Structure formats: structure tokens, C-alpha cells
């Protein structure tokens, strides 16, 4: 299924809402609506840490299955903003010879807590 310009607008607005709530004003954020090639990936982030710049991307193609699109778009946006919030932790951990296999599960564990506590209850 293809995401639309309307979907991208919802996604971007939700990202900006959570960036403001978390006070992530020390990042230069760009938004992109493009293909990833992996339809199981709804969205992703790309960092240039030394310049505190991040690209937040919404995948143009999602797996064909029934979605509550607005819910999934908003949750994906929240998830990516949590990735921005926690990226300095990931970066420092990777600089100290921890493996991605050790860092990524813990970052996502924290994000899932934030999704449960803040996003679902704080809408």
C-alpha cells in the first residue's frame, strides 16, 4: 500500500508535536517521504551526529494489510522522535565498543515504555 502526501503531513505534524514536547531543539530535522525498499519498515531516521542533524523518513510503501493508518502514522512518528531523543546514548555506546546487538534492544525497550506511558496515554 502506498502512503500519500496527506499521510506524510500527518506524520510530520506528529513528529513536530513530540519534538516540541521533548524539547529537542538542538537538532536540525529534515522530513522526507521516500522509498526504503523494505515494506515492513514504516519510517526511519538517518543521523549526522556531529552536526546534530537528522532526517526523518516516512516509507512510501507499506506492506499490504489492514492498518488504522492515522494511528500507525502517529505511532511511527512518536517512535522516530524517541529515536532522536535516545540517539546520543546509542552514539556514545557505539563509540565504546558495545555492539548494535546490545544497544538496539535496550533503546527499543525504552521506546516501548515511552509508547505505553506517554504516547498511548498522552494523546
Protein backbone atom coordinates (compact mmCIF):
# COMPACT_ATOMS: atom_id res chain seq x y z
CA UNK A 1 0.00 0.00 0.00
CA UNK A 2 1.21 3.49 -0.81
CA UNK A 3 1.39 6.33 1.68
CA UNK A 4 0.15 9.67 0.39
CA UNK A 5 1.05 13.34 0.79
CA UNK A 6 -1.78 13.55 3.34
CA UNK A 7 -0.22 10.68 5.31
CA UNK A 8 3.15 12.45 5.20
CA UNK A 9 1.57 15.66 6.50
CA UNK A 10 0.08 13.77 9.49
CA UNK A 11 3.40 12.02 10.14
CA UNK A 12 5.40 15.26 10.01
CA UNK A 13 2.96 17.15 12.26
CA UNK A 14 3.07 14.36 14.83
CA UNK A 15 6.89 14.35 14.76
CA UNK A 16 6.93 18.09 15.34
CA UNK A 17 4.46 17.77 18.22
CA UNK A 18 6.71 15.29 20.06
CA UNK A 19 9.91 17.18 19.20
CA UNK A 20 8.36 20.21 20.89
CA UNK A 21 7.13 18.21 23.90
CA UNK A 22 10.55 16.64 24.43
CA UNK A 23 12.33 19.96 23.80
CA UNK A 24 14.58 18.52 21.09
CA UNK A 25 15.50 21.94 19.76
CA UNK A 26 19.20 21.09 19.49
CA UNK A 27 18.59 19.03 16.32
CA UNK A 28 18.20 20.19 12.73
CA UNK A 29 15.38 17.98 11.48
CA UNK A 30 14.54 17.28 7.84
CA UNK A 31 11.48 15.32 6.75
CA UNK A 32 11.34 13.04 3.72
CA UNK A 33 8.70 10.85 2.09
CA UNK A 34 10.61 8.21 0.14
CA UNK A 35 11.07 4.52 -0.63
CA UNK A 36 13.05 2.30 1.70
CA UNK A 37 12.73 -0.95 -0.24
CA UNK A 38 11.64 -2.83 2.88
CA UNK A 39 7.85 -2.55 3.12
CA UNK A 40 7.92 -3.76 6.73
CA UNK A 41 9.71 -0.51 7.66
CA UNK A 42 7.17 2.27 8.17
CA UNK A 43 9.70 5.00 8.97
CA UNK A 44 13.35 5.53 9.88
CA UNK A 45 15.94 8.12 10.85
CA UNK A 46 19.36 9.00 9.41
CA UNK A 47 21.84 10.93 11.59
CA UNK A 48 24.79 13.26 11.17
CA UNK A 49 25.60 13.42 14.85
CA UNK A 50 28.47 15.89 14.88
CA UNK A 51 26.21 18.48 13.25
CA UNK A 52 23.15 17.41 15.27
CA UNK A 53 21.18 16.85 12.08
CA UNK A 54 18.67 14.09 11.45
CA UNK A 55 16.47 13.07 8.53
CA UNK A 56 13.14 11.55 9.49
CA UNK A 57 11.72 9.46 6.67
CA UNK A 58 8.29 8.01 6.00
CA UNK A 59 8.30 4.99 3.72
CA UNK A 60 6.19 5.44 0.58
CA UNK A 61 5.26 1.75 0.54
CA UNK A 62 3.96 -0.31 3.46
CA UNK A 63 3.09 -3.99 3.50
CA UNK A 64 -0.43 -4.65 2.27
CA UNK A 65 -2.51 -5.42 5.34
CA UNK A 66 -5.30 -3.66 7.18
CA UNK A 67 -4.00 -0.66 9.13
CA UNK A 68 -5.56 2.07 11.14
CA UNK A 69 -3.41 4.45 9.10
CA UNK A 70 -3.71 7.53 11.27
CA UNK A 71 -2.84 5.52 14.38
CA UNK A 72 0.16 3.84 12.70
CA UNK A 73 1.41 7.15 11.27
CA UNK A 74 1.22 8.86 14.63
CA UNK A 75 2.83 5.95 16.46
CA UNK A 76 5.61 5.76 13.84
CA UNK A 77 6.26 9.49 14.25
CA UNK A 78 6.41 9.15 18.03
CA UNK A 79 8.77 6.20 17.65
CA UNK A 80 11.16 8.14 15.41
CA UNK A 81 11.21 11.13 17.77
CA UNK A 82 12.07 8.73 20.60
CA UNK A 83 14.93 7.50 18.40
CA UNK A 84 16.15 11.11 18.19
CA UNK A 85 15.81 11.57 21.95
CA UNK A 86 17.89 8.44 22.61
CA UNK A 87 20.37 8.73 19.75
CA UNK A 88 23.13 10.34 21.84
CA UNK A 89 23.01 7.28 24.11
CA UNK A 90 23.27 4.97 21.09
CA UNK A 91 26.12 7.02 19.61
CA UNK A 92 28.15 7.04 22.82
CA UNK A 93 27.55 3.34 23.36
CA UNK A 94 28.73 2.53 19.85
CA UNK A 95 31.86 4.65 20.40
CA UNK A 96 32.73 2.47 23.37
CA UNK A 97 32.75 -0.86 21.57
CA UNK A 98 29.32 -2.07 22.53
CA UNK A 99 27.65 -3.84 19.65
CA UNK A 100 24.47 -2.71 17.92
CA UNK A 101 23.02 -6.01 19.07
CA UNK A 102 23.44 -4.86 22.67
CA UNK A 103 22.34 -1.25 22.22
CA UNK A 104 19.38 -1.52 19.83
CA UNK A 105 17.23 -3.81 22.02
CA UNK A 106 17.70 -1.52 25.03
CA UNK A 107 16.91 1.63 23.06
CA UNK A 108 13.74 -0.03 21.79
CA UNK A 109 12.87 -1.25 25.28
CA UNK A 110 12.88 2.38 26.47
CA UNK A 111 10.89 3.49 23.42
CA UNK A 112 8.23 0.84 24.06
CA UNK A 113 7.90 2.11 27.65
CA UNK A 114 7.53 5.67 26.35
CA UNK A 115 4.96 4.50 23.80
CA UNK A 116 2.92 2.84 26.55
CA UNK A 117 3.23 5.57 29.15
CA UNK A 118 3.39 8.78 27.13
CA UNK A 119 2.04 8.21 23.67
CA UNK A 120 -0.98 5.99 24.27
CA UNK A 121 -2.00 7.79 27.47
CA UNK A 122 -0.86 11.28 26.47
CA UNK A 123 -2.73 11.67 23.21
